Structures are given as C-alpha cells and as structure tokens.
C-alpha atoms as a PDB file:
ATOM      1  CA  UNK A   1      12.420  -9.382   6.284  1.00  0.00           C
ATOM      2  CA  UNK A   2      16.091 -10.053   5.285  1.00  0.00           C
ATOM      3  CA  UNK A   3      18.036  -7.591   3.184  1.00  0.00           C
ATOM      4  CA  UNK A   4      18.212  -8.659  -0.236  1.00  0.00           C
ATOM      5  CA  UNK A   5      21.810  -9.518  -1.658  1.00  0.00           C
ATOM      6  CA  UNK A   6      23.039  -7.129  -4.045  1.00  0.00           C
ATOM      7  CA  UNK A   7      25.934  -6.975  -6.464  1.00  0.00           C
ATOM      8  CA  UNK A   8      28.967  -5.780  -4.533  1.00  0.00           C
ATOM      9  CA  UNK A   9      29.559  -2.865  -7.047  1.00  0.00           C
ATOM     10  CA  UNK A  10      25.815  -1.520  -6.772  1.00  0.00           C
ATOM     11  CA  UNK A  11      26.754   1.379  -4.574  1.00  0.00           C
ATOM     12  CA  UNK A  12      29.137   2.135  -7.415  1.00  0.00           C
ATOM     13  CA  UNK A  13      26.657   1.888 -10.132  1.00  0.00           C
ATOM     14  CA  UNK A  14      23.590   3.380  -8.243  1.00  0.00           C
ATOM     15  CA  UNK A  15      23.755   7.209  -9.180  1.00  0.00           C
ATOM     16  CA  UNK A  16      24.702   7.011 -12.808  1.00  0.00           C
ATOM     17  CA  UNK A  17      21.977   4.164 -13.510  1.00  0.00           C
ATOM     18  CA  UNK A  18      19.365   6.050 -11.399  1.00  0.00           C
ATOM     19  CA  UNK A  19      19.889   9.362 -13.559  1.00  0.00           C
ATOM     20  CA  UNK A  20      19.812   7.478 -16.750  1.00  0.00           C
ATOM     21  CA  UNK A  21      16.706   5.431 -16.197  1.00  0.00           C
ATOM     22  CA  UNK A  22      14.786   8.382 -14.553  1.00  0.00           C
ATOM     23  CA  UNK A  23      15.700  10.860 -17.132  1.00  0.00           C
ATOM     24  CA  UNK A  24      15.458   8.794 -20.289  1.00  0.00           C
ATOM     25  CA  UNK A  25      12.772   6.307 -19.169  1.00  0.00           C
ATOM     26  CA  UNK A  26      13.420   2.713 -18.301  1.00  0.00           C
ATOM     27  CA  UNK A  27      12.093   1.214 -21.647  1.00  0.00           C
ATOM     28  CA  UNK A  28      14.342   3.492 -23.481  1.00  0.00           C
ATOM     29  CA  UNK A  29      17.743   2.293 -22.062  1.00  0.00           C
ATOM     30  CA  UNK A  30      19.233  -0.827 -23.223  1.00  0.00           C
ATOM     31  CA  UNK A  31      22.134  -2.767 -21.526  1.00  0.00           C
ATOM     32  CA  UNK A  32      24.747  -1.715 -23.932  1.00  0.00           C
ATOM     33  CA  UNK A  33      23.807   1.889 -23.067  1.00  0.00           C
ATOM     34  CA  UNK A  34      24.103   1.083 -19.536  1.00  0.00           C
ATOM     35  CA  UNK A  35      27.472  -0.587 -19.773  1.00  0.00           C
ATOM     36  CA  UNK A  36      28.645   2.382 -21.439  1.00  0.00           C
ATOM     37  CA  UNK A  37      27.381   4.783 -19.036  1.00  0.00           C
ATOM     38  CA  UNK A  38      29.039   2.790 -16.356  1.00  0.00           C
ATOM     39  CA  UNK A  39      32.377   2.450 -18.409  1.00  0.00           C
ATOM     40  CA  UNK A  40      32.016  -1.417 -18.551  1.00  0.00           C
ATOM     41  CA  UNK A  41      32.131  -3.885 -21.459  1.00  0.00           C
ATOM     42  CA  UNK A  42      28.473  -5.373 -22.068  1.00  0.00           C
ATOM     43  CA  UNK A  43      29.870  -8.748 -20.762  1.00  0.00           C
ATOM     44  CA  UNK A  44      31.047  -7.484 -17.511  1.00  0.00           C
ATOM     45  CA  UNK A  45      27.770  -5.783 -16.691  1.00  0.00           C
ATOM     46  CA  UNK A  46      25.744  -8.973 -17.637  1.00  0.00           C
ATOM     47  CA  UNK A  47      28.174 -10.925 -15.191  1.00  0.00           C
ATOM     48  CA  UNK A  48      26.711  -8.638 -12.304  1.00  0.00           C
ATOM     49  CA  UNK A  49      23.286  -8.173 -13.788  1.00  0.00           C
ATOM     50  CA  UNK A  50      21.393 -10.740 -15.984  1.00  0.00           C
ATOM     51  CA  UNK A  51      19.086  -7.769 -17.320  1.00  0.00           C
ATOM     52  CA  UNK A  52      18.204  -4.244 -16.665  1.00  0.00           C
ATOM     53  CA  UNK A  53      15.131  -5.266 -14.622  1.00  0.00           C
ATOM     54  CA  UNK A  54      17.574  -6.734 -12.050  1.00  0.00           C
ATOM     55  CA  UNK A  55      19.143  -3.296 -11.648  1.00  0.00           C
ATOM     56  CA  UNK A  56      15.669  -1.633 -11.536  1.00  0.00           C
ATOM     57  CA  UNK A  57      14.645  -4.018  -8.734  1.00  0.00           C
ATOM     58  CA  UNK A  58      17.716  -3.155  -6.571  1.00  0.00           C
ATOM     59  CA  UNK A  59      16.798   0.547  -6.985  1.00  0.00           C
ATOM     60  CA  UNK A  60      13.259   0.164  -5.965  1.00  0.00           C
ATOM     61  CA  UNK A  61      13.794  -2.381  -3.098  1.00  0.00           C
ATOM     62  CA  UNK A  62      16.663   0.245  -1.889  1.00  0.00           C
ATOM     63  CA  UNK A  63      13.664   2.931  -1.907  1.00  0.00           C
ATOM     64  CA  UNK A  64      11.426   0.863   0.037  1.00  0.00           C
ATOM     65  CA  UNK A  65      14.164  -0.176   2.643  1.00  0.00           C
ATOM     66  CA  UNK A  66      15.009   3.492   3.210  1.00  0.00           C
ATOM     67  CA  UNK A  67      11.370   4.463   3.719  1.00  0.00           C
ATOM     68  CA  UNK A  68      10.987   1.571   6.248  1.00  0.00           C
ATOM     69  CA  UNK A  69      14.287   2.705   8.015  1.00  0.00           C
ATOM     70  CA  UNK A  70      12.913   6.109   8.090  1.00  0.00           C
ATOM     71  CA  UNK A  71       9.779   4.981   9.757  1.00  0.00           C
ATOM     72  CA  UNK A  72      11.723   3.077  12.287  1.00  0.00           C
ATOM     73  CA  UNK A  73      13.741   6.245  13.141  1.00  0.00           C
ATOM     74  CA  UNK A  74      10.834   8.156  13.692  1.00  0.00           C
ATOM     75  CA  UNK A  75       9.005   5.639  15.957  1.00  0.00           C
ATOM     76  CA  UNK A  76      12.181   5.372  18.111  1.00  0.00           C
ATOM     77  CA  UNK A  77      12.171   9.120  18.572  1.00  0.00           C
ATOM     78  CA  UNK A  78       8.547   9.924  19.512  1.00  0.00           C
ATOM     79  CA  UNK A  79       4.717   8.610  19.658  1.00  0.00           C
ATOM     80  CA  UNK A  80       3.647  12.219  19.776  1.00  0.00           C
ATOM     81  CA  UNK A  81       2.942  14.310  16.661  1.00  0.00           C
ATOM     82  CA  UNK A  82       3.626  11.450  14.378  1.00  0.00           C
ATOM     83  CA  UNK A  83       1.821  12.804  11.354  1.00  0.00           C
ATOM     84  CA  UNK A  84       3.796  15.940  11.080  1.00  0.00           C
ATOM     85  CA  UNK A  85       6.910  14.080  11.469  1.00  0.00           C
ATOM     86  CA  UNK A  86       5.829  11.532   8.840  1.00  0.00           C
ATOM     87  CA  UNK A  87       5.111  14.182   6.361  1.00  0.00           C
ATOM     88  CA  UNK A  88       8.260  16.101   7.117  1.00  0.00           C
ATOM     89  CA  UNK A  89      10.548  13.056   6.883  1.00  0.00           C
ATOM     90  CA  UNK A  90       8.774  12.138   3.423  1.00  0.00           C
ATOM     91  CA  UNK A  91       9.651  15.642   2.265  1.00  0.00           C
ATOM     92  CA  UNK A  92      13.145  15.430   3.200  1.00  0.00           C
ATOM     93  CA  UNK A  93      13.587  11.935   1.753  1.00  0.00           C
ATOM     94  CA  UNK A  94      12.293  13.235  -1.563  1.00  0.00           C
ATOM     95  CA  UNK A  95      14.781  15.837  -1.645  1.00  0.00           C
ATOM     96  CA  UNK A  96      17.575  13.274  -0.928  1.00  0.00           C
ATOM     97  CA  UNK A  97      16.243  10.402  -3.290  1.00  0.00           C
ATOM     98  CA  UNK A  98      14.128  12.154  -6.098  1.00  0.00           C
ATOM     99  CA  UNK A  99      15.163   9.629  -8.865  1.00  0.00           C
ATOM    100  CA  UNK A 100      14.060   6.591  -6.567  1.00  0.00           C
ATOM    101  CA  UNK A 101      10.678   8.127  -6.023  1.00  0.00           C
ATOM    102  CA  UNK A 102      10.300   8.746  -9.702  1.00  0.00           C
ATOM    103  CA  UNK A 103      11.411   5.120 -10.548  1.00  0.00           C
ATOM    104  CA  UNK A 104       9.063   3.550  -7.972  1.00  0.00           C
ATOM    105  CA  UNK A 105       6.009   5.369  -9.185  1.00  0.00           C
ATOM    106  CA  UNK A 106       6.622   5.321 -12.975  1.00  0.00           C
ATOM    107  CA  UNK A 107       8.624   2.028 -13.593  1.00  0.00           C
ATOM    108  CA  UNK A 108       7.716  -0.685 -11.015  1.00  0.00           C
ATOM    109  CA  UNK A 109       5.420  -2.323 -13.678  1.00  0.00           C
ATOM    110  CA  UNK A 110       8.568  -3.012 -15.979  1.00  0.00           C
ATOM    111  CA  UNK A 111       9.608  -5.645 -13.654  1.00  0.00           C
ATOM    112  CA  UNK A 112       8.723  -9.374 -14.182  1.00  0.00           C
ATOM    113  CA  UNK A 113       5.854 -10.938 -11.973  1.00  0.00           C
ATOM    114  CA  UNK A 114       8.177 -12.334  -9.491  1.00  0.00           C
ATOM    115  CA  UNK A 115      10.215  -9.103  -9.022  1.00  0.00           C
ATOM    116  CA  UNK A 116       6.943  -7.011  -8.845  1.00  0.00           C
ATOM    117  CA  UNK A 117       5.787  -9.585  -5.818  1.00  0.00           C
ATOM    118  CA  UNK A 118       9.006  -8.738  -4.009  1.00  0.00           C
ATOM    119  CA  UNK A 119       8.318  -4.993  -4.555  1.00  0.00           C
ATOM    120  CA  UNK A 120       4.765  -5.534  -3.443  1.00  0.00           C
ATOM    121  CA  UNK A 121       5.776  -7.259  -0.140  1.00  0.00           C
ATOM    122  CA  UNK A 122       8.083  -4.225   0.784  1.00  0.00           C
ATOM    123  CA  UNK A 123       5.420  -1.635   0.028  1.00  0.00           C
ATOM    124  CA  UNK A 124       2.752  -3.645   1.824  1.00  0.00           C
ATOM    125  CA  UNK A 125       5.075  -3.836   4.876  1.00  0.00           C
ATOM    126  CA  UNK A 126       5.628   0.016   4.682  1.00  0.00           C
ATOM    127  CA  UNK A 127       2.017   0.799   4.251  1.00  0.00           C
ATOM    128  CA  UNK A 128       1.043  -1.482   7.135  1.00  0.00           C
ATOM    129  CA  UNK A 129       3.942   0.108   9.305  1.00  0.00           C
ATOM    130  CA  UNK A 130       2.322   3.591   8.490  1.00  0.00           C
ATOM    131  CA  UNK A 131      -0.916   2.622   9.425  1.00  0.00           C
ATOM    132  CA  UNK A 132       0.352   1.289  12.961  1.00  0.00           C
ATOM    133  CA  UNK A 133       2.284   4.595  13.642  1.00  0.00           C
ATOM    134  CA  UNK A 134      -0.917   6.495  12.837  1.00  0.00           C
ATOM    135  CA  UNK A 135      -2.821   4.687  15.451  1.00  0.00           C
ATOM    136  CA  UNK A 136      -5.819   3.882  12.961  1.00  0.00           C
ATOM    137  CA  UNK A 137      -6.143   0.097  13.689  1.00  0.00           C
ATOM    138  CA  UNK A 138      -9.372   0.314  15.753  1.00  0.00           C
ATOM    139  CA  UNK A 139     -10.994   2.478  13.216  1.00  0.00           C
ATOM    140  CA  UNK A 140     -11.022   0.151  10.179  1.00  0.00           C
ATOM    141  CA  UNK A 141     -11.602  -3.330   9.376  1.00  0.00           C
ATOM    142  CA  UNK A 142      -8.945  -5.414   7.744  1.00  0.00           C
ATOM    143  CA  UNK A 143      -9.672  -4.315   4.043  1.00  0.00           C
ATOM    144  CA  UNK A 144     -10.203  -0.631   4.875  1.00  0.00           C
ATOM    145  CA  UNK A 145      -7.039  -0.659   6.605  1.00  0.00           C
ATOM    146  CA  UNK A 146      -5.071  -1.930   3.417  1.00  0.00           C
ATOM    147  CA  UNK A 147      -6.886   0.657   1.120  1.00  0.00           C
ATOM    148  CA  UNK A 148      -6.086   3.515   3.727  1.00  0.00           C
ATOM    149  CA  UNK A 149      -2.552   2.515   4.100  1.00  0.00           C
ATOM    150  CA  UNK A 150      -2.169   2.453   0.288  1.00  0.00           C
ATOM    151  CA  UNK A 151      -4.082   5.770  -0.198  1.00  0.00           C
ATOM    152  CA  UNK A 152      -1.787   7.418   2.597  1.00  0.00           C
ATOM    153  CA  UNK A 153       1.342   6.100   1.112  1.00  0.00           C
ATOM    154  CA  UNK A 154       0.547   7.459  -2.131  1.00  0.00           C
ATOM    155  CA  UNK A 155      -0.186  10.849  -0.693  1.00  0.00           C
ATOM    156  CA  UNK A 156       3.119  10.913   1.205  1.00  0.00           C
ATOM    157  CA  UNK A 157       4.992   9.853  -1.963  1.00  0.00           C
ATOM    158  CA  UNK A 158       3.464  11.864  -4.567  1.00  0.00           C
ATOM    159  CA  UNK A 159       2.859  14.981  -2.724  1.00  0.00           C
ATOM    160  CA  UNK A 160       6.577  16.410  -2.809  1.00  0.00           C
ATOM    161  CA  UNK A 161       6.297  16.735  -6.723  1.00  0.00           C
ATOM    162  CA  UNK A 162       3.019  18.672  -6.502  1.00  0.00           C
ATOM    163  CA  UNK A 163       4.379  22.113  -6.386  1.00  0.00           C
ATOM    164  CA  UNK A 164       7.827  21.587  -8.106  1.00  0.00           C
ATOM    165  CA  UNK A 165       6.614  23.832 -11.084  1.00  0.00           C
ATOM    166  CA  UNK A 166       5.891  26.887  -8.673  1.00  0.00           C
ATOM    167  CA  UNK A 167       8.526  29.534  -7.647  1.00  0.00           C
ATOM    168  CA  UNK A 168       8.074  28.846  -3.983  1.00  0.00           C
ATOM    169  CA  UNK A 169      11.216  28.740  -1.639  1.00  0.00           C
ATOM    170  CA  UNK A 170      11.660  25.396   0.339  1.00  0.00           C
ATOM    171  CA  UNK A 171       9.892  26.577   3.486  1.00  0.00           C
ATOM    172  CA  UNK A 172       6.652  27.760   1.621  1.00  0.00           C
ATOM    173  CA  UNK A 173       6.613  24.452  -0.205  1.00  0.00           C
ATOM    174  CA  UNK A 174       6.912  22.443   2.584  1.00  0.00           C
ATOM    175  CA  UNK A 175       4.223  24.366   4.594  1.00  0.00           C
ATOM    176  CA  UNK A 176       1.698  23.927   1.867  1.00  0.00           C
ATOM    177  CA  UNK A 177       2.265  20.497   1.434  1.00  0.00           C
ATOM    178  CA  UNK A 178       2.281  19.737   5.143  1.00  0.00           C
ATOM    179  CA  UNK A 179      -1.245  21.487   5.242  1.00  0.00           C
ATOM    180  CA  UNK A 180      -2.502  19.856   2.370  1.00  0.00           C
ATOM    181  CA  UNK A 181      -1.391  16.099   3.258  1.00  0.00           C
ATOM    182  CA  UNK A 182      -2.129  16.536   7.035  1.00  0.00           C
ATOM    183  CA  UNK A 183      -5.720  17.839   6.130  1.00  0.00           C
ATOM    184  CA  UNK A 184      -6.175  14.754   3.810  1.00  0.00           C
ATOM    185  CA  UNK A 185      -4.923  12.172   6.062  1.00  0.00           C
ATOM    186  CA  UNK A 186      -6.714  13.554   9.221  1.00  0.00           C
ATOM    187  CA  UNK A 187     -10.048  13.632   7.358  1.00  0.00           C
ATOM    188  CA  UNK A 188      -9.719  10.109   6.106  1.00  0.00           C
ATOM    189  CA  UNK A 189      -8.607   8.599   9.489  1.00  0.00           C
ATOM    190  CA  UNK A 190     -11.317  10.408  11.313  1.00  0.00           C
ATOM    191  CA  UNK A 191     -14.110   8.833   9.350  1.00  0.00           C
ATOM    192  CA  UNK A 192     -14.568   5.103   8.907  1.00  0.00           C
ATOM    193  CA  UNK A 193     -17.448   5.735   6.751  1.00  0.00           C
ATOM    194  CA  UNK A 194     -15.150   7.117   4.069  1.00  0.00           C
ATOM    195  CA  UNK A 195     -13.406   3.797   3.708  1.00  0.00           C
ATOM    196  CA  UNK A 196     -15.613   2.725   0.676  1.00  0.00           C
ATOM    197  CA  UNK A 197     -14.365   5.575  -1.150  1.00  0.00           C
ATOM    198  CA  UNK A 198     -10.536   4.904  -0.491  1.00  0.00           C
ATOM    199  CA  UNK A 199     -10.240   2.923  -3.670  1.00  0.00           C
ATOM    200  CA  UNK A 200     -11.089   5.903  -5.593  1.00  0.00           C
ATOM    201  CA  UNK A 201      -8.973   8.312  -3.485  1.00  0.00           C
ATOM    202  CA  UNK A 202      -5.966   6.100  -4.237  1.00  0.00           C
ATOM    203  CA  UNK A 203      -6.384   6.018  -7.697  1.00  0.00           C
ATOM    204  CA  UNK A 204      -6.809   9.737  -7.904  1.00  0.00           C
ATOM    205  CA  UNK A 205      -3.443  10.247  -6.099  1.00  0.00           C
ATOM    206  CA  UNK A 206      -1.855   7.746  -8.236  1.00  0.00           C
ATOM    207  CA  UNK A 207      -2.677   9.565 -11.295  1.00  0.00           C
ATOM    208  CA  UNK A 208      -1.860  12.828  -9.722  1.00  0.00           C
ATOM    209  CA  UNK A 209       1.635  11.460  -9.083  1.00  0.00           C
ATOM    210  CA  UNK A 210       2.052   9.937 -12.430  1.00  0.00           C
ATOM    211  CA  UNK A 211       0.979  13.247 -14.240  1.00  0.00           C
ATOM    212  CA  UNK A 212       3.482  14.940 -11.973  1.00  0.00           C
ATOM    213  CA  UNK A 213       6.443  12.430 -12.971  1.00  0.00           C
ATOM    214  CA  UNK A 214       5.703  12.974 -16.707  1.00  0.00           C
ATOM    215  CA  UNK A 215       5.967  16.905 -16.530  1.00  0.00           C
END
C-alpha cells in the first residue's frame, strides 16, 4: 500500500493537534481553535487541511503505519517467541504514542465514510499481518481468521491502558499485562472451536478499551 500524501507541515503540527484532540475530545475542537493552537490564521490552516477530519485521518493513518512498521521490524529479527515480542512492542509503542492510541480507539468514527474506509483497510492489513506472524492460518477458516485478528488487535491495543490507574512500576505493569494478554491469545489460538465466540470477545475488549480511555 503506498504511503498517503500529507501536508508538508504535518510533522510540525502533529504534537499540538494530538494533544488538543485527545485531551478535549475531537468533537469539542473547532478549526478556529486548531488554528489558534498552531499559531496560524484560520485561512492558512484551511489551505493545508479542508477540515479537521483530514487532520484526524492523517494522525490515525500514521498510527497504523507505525504499527505495520513495528510488525515488519519484529518479523525481520526473529521467527521465534513471536507473541512475547509482539506484546512488548505494543507496550513500548503505547508509551511512545499514547495520544495516537487514544484517537484511533475513540475518534475513528468521526471520519467520513471514505476516510473510515481508508482506515479500515490499514487496520485489516495490520490484523492480517498479526495473524500471519502468530502462525494461526491453519487453525481457522477465513471468517474466523478475520474475527481472531480483530480480537487480538483489540487486546494488544487496549491492554496498555488497563492498569494505568494502579500505582505499579513499569516492570510490574508490563509483566502483568504480558501474562494477561499472552494467556488470552494463546488460549484463543489453541482452540478453533472458540471461533464462534470471537465476536463477543472482540466487543468486550473494545468496550474495555473505550471505558479506559474515558477515565
């Protein structure tokens, strides 16, 4: 998939826009406030971005591109101990890109239909790659494979926020999360008979992620 074209000043805008969207909520931020935050006249911002949805799309696409790049780096290094490496990579990425995770989980639905389709294609590519790396292809039919990929992606992306309210040091938090996520994923991949319940699993994980984000 070719990399999308972005405004040449996207990197300059990114951090301020991320913090504003994630802290106030995408729906509560208008273009004038965005322009003020970036030190631009509203007309200058409209020149680069026709709407705030275009800015949100760039941020969410960047998030999935980084997830895909992370999978690629893991895959090049080793074919062994894949699940622990995937879990740790997601924990590290959550520390590096916390606002991106929050926006992708909470605000993707604010995009228009075409933009949501672009994000969905990236997410599906990421989920498919996850399942390939976990070696599950022979255990599921096509629909169960898609459902399992979606459920596992939700686990990996939402789990880092589950224990944020608890006074744990980083090592303790990572160990607990690795045990929780690895147990869930290994159990799911071991039993094709559980495929029929994956939709429910995915919904529960998504609800947990949203509840964590709103806290």
